[in-house]
Structures are given as structure tokens and as C-alpha cells.
Amino acid sequence: MKSPCVDICAFDGRTGWCRACGRTKEECRVWKKAQPHQQRQIAADLPRRLRKLGETVLTLDRH
């Protein structure tokens, strides 16, 4: 499976998720060695994480 990395690493201090791809630092580090089912499991959760990060940004912008 292709890496979801977009070469813009910026990790959220609250969640630990990358603001660009949604993975944690540990998930980024082990991606190439992870089994395909592990990669699919991580990838399946990324849209939810990125939505959550977007909601956090929108909430902070309103204050």
C-alpha cells in the first residue's frame, strides 16, 4: 500500500496526529515495515482523524 505521506509533517500537540496525513509519529516510522493489514487498518482511520483535526481548527478559529 502506498504511504499516505504528503511530505508536510506537522504534528498536532493535542492528538499527536500529523495535520497533513493523520498518522502518529510512530505510525509514520513503522509504515514501511508494517504488514499490509496493519497499513490498511491505519489508513482506514485517517479520514476520521483528519476530519477531527479540521473540526478542532475550525473551533479554534471561531474564538
PDB file of N, CA and C in Angstrom:
ATOM      1  N   MET A   1       0.846  -1.172   0.000  1.00  0.00           N
ATOM      2  CA  MET A   1       0.000   0.000   0.000  1.00  0.00           C
ATOM      3  C   MET A   1       0.895   1.240   0.000  1.00  0.00           C
ATOM      4  N   LYS A   2       0.512   2.221  -0.777  1.00  0.00           N
ATOM      5  CA  LYS A   2       1.269   3.468  -0.862  1.00  0.00           C
ATOM      6  C   LYS A   2       1.115   4.262   0.438  1.00  0.00           C
ATOM      7  N   SER A   3       2.187   4.909   0.829  1.00  0.00           N
ATOM      8  CA  SER A   3       2.165   5.729   2.039  1.00  0.00           C
ATOM      9  C   SER A   3       1.237   6.931   1.857  1.00  0.00           C
ATOM     10  N   PRO A   4       0.486   7.284   2.898  1.00  0.00           N
ATOM     11  CA  PRO A   4      -0.365   8.472   2.825  1.00  0.00           C
ATOM     12  C   PRO A   4       0.409   9.778   3.029  1.00  0.00           C
ATOM     13  N   CYS A   5       1.713   9.682   3.229  1.00  0.00           N
ATOM     14  CA  CYS A   5       2.547  10.859   3.481  1.00  0.00           C
ATOM     15  C   CYS A   5       2.505  11.821   2.295  1.00  0.00           C
ATOM     16  N   VAL A   6       2.389  13.111   2.602  1.00  0.00           N
ATOM     17  CA  VAL A   6       2.416  14.145   1.567  1.00  0.00           C
ATOM     18  C   VAL A   6       3.600  15.092   1.781  1.00  0.00           C
ATOM     19  N   ASP A   7       4.570  14.649   2.571  1.00  0.00           N
ATOM     20  CA  ASP A   7       5.807  15.395   2.840  1.00  0.00           C
ATOM     21  C   ASP A   7       5.583  16.768   3.462  1.00  0.00           C
ATOM     22  N   ILE A   8       4.554  16.882   4.272  1.00  0.00           N
ATOM     23  CA  ILE A   8       4.302  18.104   5.046  1.00  0.00           C
ATOM     24  C   ILE A   8       4.034  17.655   6.480  1.00  0.00           C
ATOM     25  N   CYS A   9       5.077  17.354   7.209  1.00  0.00           N
ATOM     26  CA  CYS A   9       4.923  16.826   8.567  1.00  0.00           C
ATOM     27  C   CYS A   9       4.767  17.958   9.575  1.00  0.00           C
ATOM     28  N   ALA A  10       3.616  17.997  10.209  1.00  0.00           N
ATOM     29  CA  ALA A  10       3.334  18.963  11.275  1.00  0.00           C
ATOM     30  C   ALA A  10       2.391  18.263  12.241  1.00  0.00           C
ATOM     31  N   PHE A  11       2.891  17.908  13.399  1.00  0.00           N
ATOM     32  CA  PHE A  11       2.113  17.102  14.330  1.00  0.00           C
ATOM     33  C   PHE A  11       1.340  17.963  15.320  1.00  0.00           C
ATOM     34  N   ASP A  12       0.085  17.607  15.512  1.00  0.00           N
ATOM     35  CA  ASP A  12      -0.787  18.288  16.452  1.00  0.00           C
ATOM     36  C   ASP A  12      -0.357  17.933  17.874  1.00  0.00           C
ATOM     37  N   GLY A  13      -0.145  18.928  18.703  1.00  0.00           N
ATOM     38  CA  GLY A  13       0.315  18.694  20.064  1.00  0.00           C
ATOM     39  C   GLY A  13      -0.698  17.994  20.942  1.00  0.00           C
ATOM     40  N   ARG A  14      -1.969  18.145  20.664  1.00  0.00           N
ATOM     41  CA  ARG A  14      -3.016  17.540  21.482  1.00  0.00           C
ATOM     42  C   ARG A  14      -3.250  16.076  21.128  1.00  0.00           C
ATOM     43  N   THR A  15      -3.328  15.783  19.834  1.00  0.00           N
ATOM     44  CA  THR A  15      -3.655  14.418  19.402  1.00  0.00           C
ATOM     45  C   THR A  15      -2.431  13.592  19.035  1.00  0.00           C
ATOM     46  N   GLY A  16      -1.355  14.266  18.619  1.00  0.00           N
ATOM     47  CA  GLY A  16      -0.173  13.556  18.136  1.00  0.00           C
ATOM     48  C   GLY A  16      -0.275  13.145  16.681  1.00  0.00           C
ATOM     49  N   TRP A  17      -1.346  13.548  16.016  1.00  0.00           N
ATOM     50  CA  TRP A  17      -1.551  13.200  14.611  1.00  0.00           C
ATOM     51  C   TRP A  17      -0.912  14.253  13.714  1.00  0.00           C
ATOM     52  N   CYS A  18      -0.371  13.786  12.583  1.00  0.00           N
ATOM     53  CA  CYS A  18       0.151  14.707  11.574  1.00  0.00           C
ATOM     54  C   CYS A  18      -1.035  15.458  10.965  1.00  0.00           C
ATOM     55  N   ARG A  19      -0.909  16.756  10.855  1.00  0.00           N
ATOM     56  CA  ARG A  19      -2.001  17.568  10.299  1.00  0.00           C
ATOM     57  C   ARG A  19      -2.187  17.342   8.798  1.00  0.00           C
ATOM     58  N   ALA A  20      -1.188  16.773   8.135  1.00  0.00           N
ATOM     59  CA  ALA A  20      -1.266  16.547   6.688  1.00  0.00           C
ATOM     60  C   ALA A  20      -1.789  15.155   6.337  1.00  0.00           C
ATOM     61  N   CYS A  21      -1.289  14.120   7.027  1.00  0.00           N
ATOM     62  CA  CYS A  21      -1.698  12.756   6.656  1.00  0.00           C
ATOM     63  C   CYS A  21      -2.522  12.054   7.734  1.00  0.00           C
ATOM     64  N   GLY A  22      -2.486  12.545   8.964  1.00  0.00           N
ATOM     65  CA  GLY A  22      -3.309  11.965  10.022  1.00  0.00           C
ATOM     66  C   GLY A  22      -2.645  10.882  10.851  1.00  0.00           C
ATOM     67  N   ARG A  23      -1.426  10.487  10.479  1.00  0.00           N
ATOM     68  CA  ARG A  23      -0.761   9.418  11.230  1.00  0.00           C
ATOM     69  C   ARG A  23       0.007   9.975  12.426  1.00  0.00           C
ATOM     70  N   THR A  24       0.299   9.089  13.379  1.00  0.00           N
ATOM     71  CA  THR A  24       1.160   9.453  14.500  1.00  0.00           C
ATOM     72  C   THR A  24       2.614   9.330  14.057  1.00  0.00           C
ATOM     73  N   LYS A  25       3.518   9.871  14.856  1.00  0.00           N
ATOM     74  CA  LYS A  25       4.946   9.738  14.537  1.00  0.00           C
ATOM     75  C   LYS A  25       5.338   8.267  14.485  1.00  0.00           C
ATOM     76  N   GLU A  26       4.829   7.477  15.414  1.00  0.00           N
ATOM     77  CA  GLU A  26       5.146   6.045  15.442  1.00  0.00           C
ATOM     78  C   GLU A  26       4.619   5.353  14.187  1.00  0.00           C
ATOM     79  N   GLU A  27       3.399   5.668  13.769  1.00  0.00           N
ATOM     80  CA  GLU A  27       2.838   5.069  12.553  1.00  0.00           C
ATOM     81  C   GLU A  27       3.658   5.459  11.328  1.00  0.00           C
ATOM     82  N   CYS A  28       4.136   6.689  11.279  1.00  0.00           N
ATOM     83  CA  CYS A  28       4.998   7.120  10.170  1.00  0.00           C
ATOM     84  C   CYS A  28       6.304   6.335  10.176  1.00  0.00           C
ATOM     85  N   ARG A  29       6.859   6.166  11.363  1.00  0.00           N
ATOM     86  CA  ARG A  29       8.150   5.494  11.499  1.00  0.00           C
ATOM     87  C   ARG A  29       8.085   4.035  11.049  1.00  0.00           C
ATOM     88  N   VAL A  30       7.015   3.338  11.382  1.00  0.00           N
ATOM     89  CA  VAL A  30       6.942   1.896  11.102  1.00  0.00           C
ATOM     90  C   VAL A  30       6.202   1.563   9.805  1.00  0.00           C
ATOM     91  N   TRP A  31       5.716   2.560   9.078  1.00  0.00           N
ATOM     92  CA  TRP A  31       4.860   2.313   7.913  1.00  0.00           C
ATOM     93  C   TRP A  31       5.458   1.311   6.926  1.00  0.00           C
ATOM     94  N   LYS A  32       6.708   1.502   6.528  1.00  0.00           N
ATOM     95  CA  LYS A  32       7.308   0.641   5.502  1.00  0.00           C
ATOM     96  C   LYS A  32       7.456  -0.803   5.962  1.00  0.00           C
ATOM     97  N   LYS A  33       7.599  -1.018   7.264  1.00  0.00           N
ATOM     98  CA  LYS A  33       7.772  -2.369   7.791  1.00  0.00           C
ATOM     99  C   LYS A  33       6.460  -3.000   8.250  1.00  0.00           C
ATOM    100  N   ALA A  34       5.400  -2.225   8.282  1.00  0.00           N
ATOM    101  CA  ALA A  34       4.107  -2.733   8.739  1.00  0.00           C
ATOM    102  C   ALA A  34       3.541  -3.733   7.730  1.00  0.00           C
ATOM    103  N   GLN A  35       2.814  -4.693   8.240  1.00  0.00           N
ATOM    104  CA  GLN A  35       2.133  -5.663   7.394  1.00  0.00           C
ATOM    105  C   GLN A  35       0.999  -4.956   6.642  1.00  0.00           C
ATOM    106  N   PRO A  36       0.634  -5.456   5.455  1.00  0.00           N
ATOM    107  CA  PRO A  36      -0.436  -4.816   4.682  1.00  0.00           C
ATOM    108  C   PRO A  36      -1.728  -4.615   5.478  1.00  0.00           C
ATOM    109  N   HIS A  37      -2.101  -5.595   6.303  1.00  0.00           N
ATOM    110  CA  HIS A  37      -3.338  -5.429   7.080  1.00  0.00           C
ATOM    111  C   HIS A  37      -3.200  -4.311   8.111  1.00  0.00           C
ATOM    112  N   GLN A  38      -1.993  -4.104   8.640  1.00  0.00           N
ATOM    113  CA  GLN A  38      -1.762  -3.010   9.582  1.00  0.00           C
ATOM    114  C   GLN A  38      -1.839  -1.663   8.865  1.00  0.00           C
ATOM    115  N   GLN A  39      -1.273  -1.604   7.670  1.00  0.00           N
ATOM    116  CA  GLN A  39      -1.341  -0.373   6.880  1.00  0.00           C
ATOM    117  C   GLN A  39      -2.791  -0.036   6.537  1.00  0.00           C
ATOM    118  N   ARG A  40      -3.561  -1.037   6.152  1.00  0.00           N
ATOM    119  CA  ARG A  40      -4.974  -0.810   5.825  1.00  0.00           C
ATOM    120  C   ARG A  40      -5.746  -0.326   7.046  1.00  0.00           C
ATOM    121  N   GLN A  41      -5.439  -0.899   8.202  1.00  0.00           N
ATOM    122  CA  GLN A  41      -6.115  -0.511   9.441  1.00  0.00           C
ATOM    123  C   GLN A  41      -5.817   0.960   9.780  1.00  0.00           C
ATOM    124  N   ILE A  42      -4.564   1.347   9.665  1.00  0.00           N
ATOM    125  CA  ILE A  42      -4.181   2.741   9.917  1.00  0.00           C
ATOM    126  C   ILE A  42      -4.864   3.648   8.894  1.00  0.00           C
ATOM    127  N   ALA A  43      -4.753   3.289   7.622  1.00  0.00           N
ATOM    128  CA  ALA A  43      -5.307   4.114   6.546  1.00  0.00           C
ATOM    129  C   ALA A  43      -6.818   4.295   6.685  1.00  0.00           C
ATOM    130  N   ALA A  44      -7.502   3.279   7.169  1.00  0.00           N
ATOM    131  CA  ALA A  44      -8.951   3.359   7.315  1.00  0.00           C
ATOM    132  C   ALA A  44      -9.365   4.423   8.329  1.00  0.00           C
ATOM    133  N   ASP A  45      -8.522   4.694   9.311  1.00  0.00           N
ATOM    134  CA  ASP A  45      -8.858   5.663  10.357  1.00  0.00           C
ATOM    135  C   ASP A  45      -8.438   7.092  10.008  1.00  0.00           C
ATOM    136  N   LEU A  46      -7.628   7.265   8.971  1.00  0.00           N
ATOM    137  CA  LEU A  46      -7.098   8.590   8.652  1.00  0.00           C
ATOM    138  C   LEU A  46      -8.167   9.623   8.290  1.00  0.00           C
ATOM    139  N   PRO A  47      -9.176   9.295   7.491  1.00  0.00           N
ATOM    140  CA  PRO A  47     -10.196  10.311   7.190  1.00  0.00           C
ATOM    141  C   PRO A  47     -10.881  10.845   8.451  1.00  0.00           C
ATOM    142  N   ARG A  48     -11.164   9.971   9.404  1.00  0.00           N
ATOM    143  CA  ARG A  48     -11.793  10.395  10.655  1.00  0.00           C
ATOM    144  C   ARG A  48     -10.866  11.333  11.424  1.00  0.00           C
ATOM    145  N   ARG A  49      -9.605  10.961  11.500  1.00  0.00           N
ATOM    146  CA  ARG A  49      -8.635  11.791  12.221  1.00  0.00           C
ATOM    147  C   ARG A  49      -8.503  13.169  11.580  1.00  0.00           C
ATOM    148  N   LEU A  50      -8.402  13.193  10.255  1.00  0.00           N
ATOM    149  CA  LEU A  50      -8.244  14.473   9.561  1.00  0.00           C
ATOM    150  C   LEU A  50      -9.493  15.343   9.708  1.00  0.00           C
ATOM    151  N   ARG A  51     -10.671  14.725   9.698  1.00  0.00           N
ATOM    152  CA  ARG A  51     -11.905  15.483   9.946  1.00  0.00           C
ATOM    153  C   ARG A  51     -11.869  16.079  11.348  1.00  0.00           C
ATOM    154  N   LYS A  52     -11.456  15.265  12.313  1.00  0.00           N
ATOM    155  CA  LYS A  52     -11.384  15.717  13.705  1.00  0.00           C
ATOM    156  C   LYS A  52     -10.396  16.879  13.836  1.00  0.00           C
ATOM    157  N   LEU A  53      -9.252  16.776  13.194  1.00  0.00           N
ATOM    158  CA  LEU A  53      -8.277  17.871  13.223  1.00  0.00           C
ATOM    159  C   LEU A  53      -8.865  19.127  12.590  1.00  0.00           C
ATOM    160  N   GLY A  54      -9.589  18.970  11.498  1.00  0.00           N
ATOM    161  CA  GLY A  54     -10.230  20.109  10.843  1.00  0.00           C
ATOM    162  C   GLY A  54     -11.276  20.757  11.720  1.00  0.00           C
ATOM    163  N   GLU A  55     -12.042  19.944  12.448  1.00  0.00           N
ATOM    164  CA  GLU A  55     -13.047  20.475  13.364  1.00  0.00           C
ATOM    165  C   GLU A  55     -12.378  21.258  14.482  1.00  0.00           C
ATOM    166  N   THR A  56     -11.253  20.770  14.960  1.00  0.00           N
ATOM    167  CA  THR A  56     -10.517  21.457  16.023  1.00  0.00           C
ATOM    168  C   THR A  56     -10.032  22.810  15.534  1.00  0.00           C
ATOM    169  N   VAL A  57      -9.494  22.841  14.323  1.00  0.00           N
ATOM    170  CA  VAL A  57      -9.003  24.099  13.758  1.00  0.00           C
ATOM    171  C   VAL A  57     -10.154  25.079  13.589  1.00  0.00           C
ATOM    172  N   LEU A  58     -11.281  24.615  13.065  1.00  0.00           N
ATOM    173  CA  LEU A  58     -12.430  25.494  12.871  1.00  0.00           C
ATOM    174  C   LEU A  58     -12.935  26.033  14.198  1.00  0.00           C
ATOM    175  N   THR A  59     -12.972  25.195  15.213  1.00  0.00           N
ATOM    176  CA  THR A  59     -13.426  25.618  16.533  1.00  0.00           C
ATOM    177  C   THR A  59     -12.492  26.679  17.102  1.00  0.00           C
ATOM    178  N   LEU A  60     -11.201  26.478  16.972  1.00  0.00           N
ATOM    179  CA  LEU A  60     -10.231  27.442  17.486  1.00  0.00           C
ATOM    180  C   LEU A  60     -10.310  28.763  16.731  1.00  0.00           C
ATOM    181  N   ASP A  61     -10.591  28.708  15.433  1.00  0.00           N
ATOM    182  CA  ASP A  61     -10.689  29.924  14.628  1.00  0.00           C
ATOM    183  C   ASP A  61     -11.884  30.784  15.034  1.00  0.00           C
ATOM    184  N   ARG A  62     -12.900  30.188  15.597  1.00  0.00           N
ATOM    185  CA  ARG A  62     -14.121  30.922  15.958  1.00  0.00           C
ATOM    186  C   ARG A  62     -13.960  31.715  17.247  1.00  0.00           C
ATOM    187  N   HIS A  63     -12.973  31.420  18.044  1.00  0.00           N
ATOM    188  CA  HIS A  63     -12.801  32.104  19.337  1.00  0.00           C
ATOM    189  C   HIS A  63     -11.991  33.356  19.207  1.00  0.00           C
TER     190      HIS A  63
END
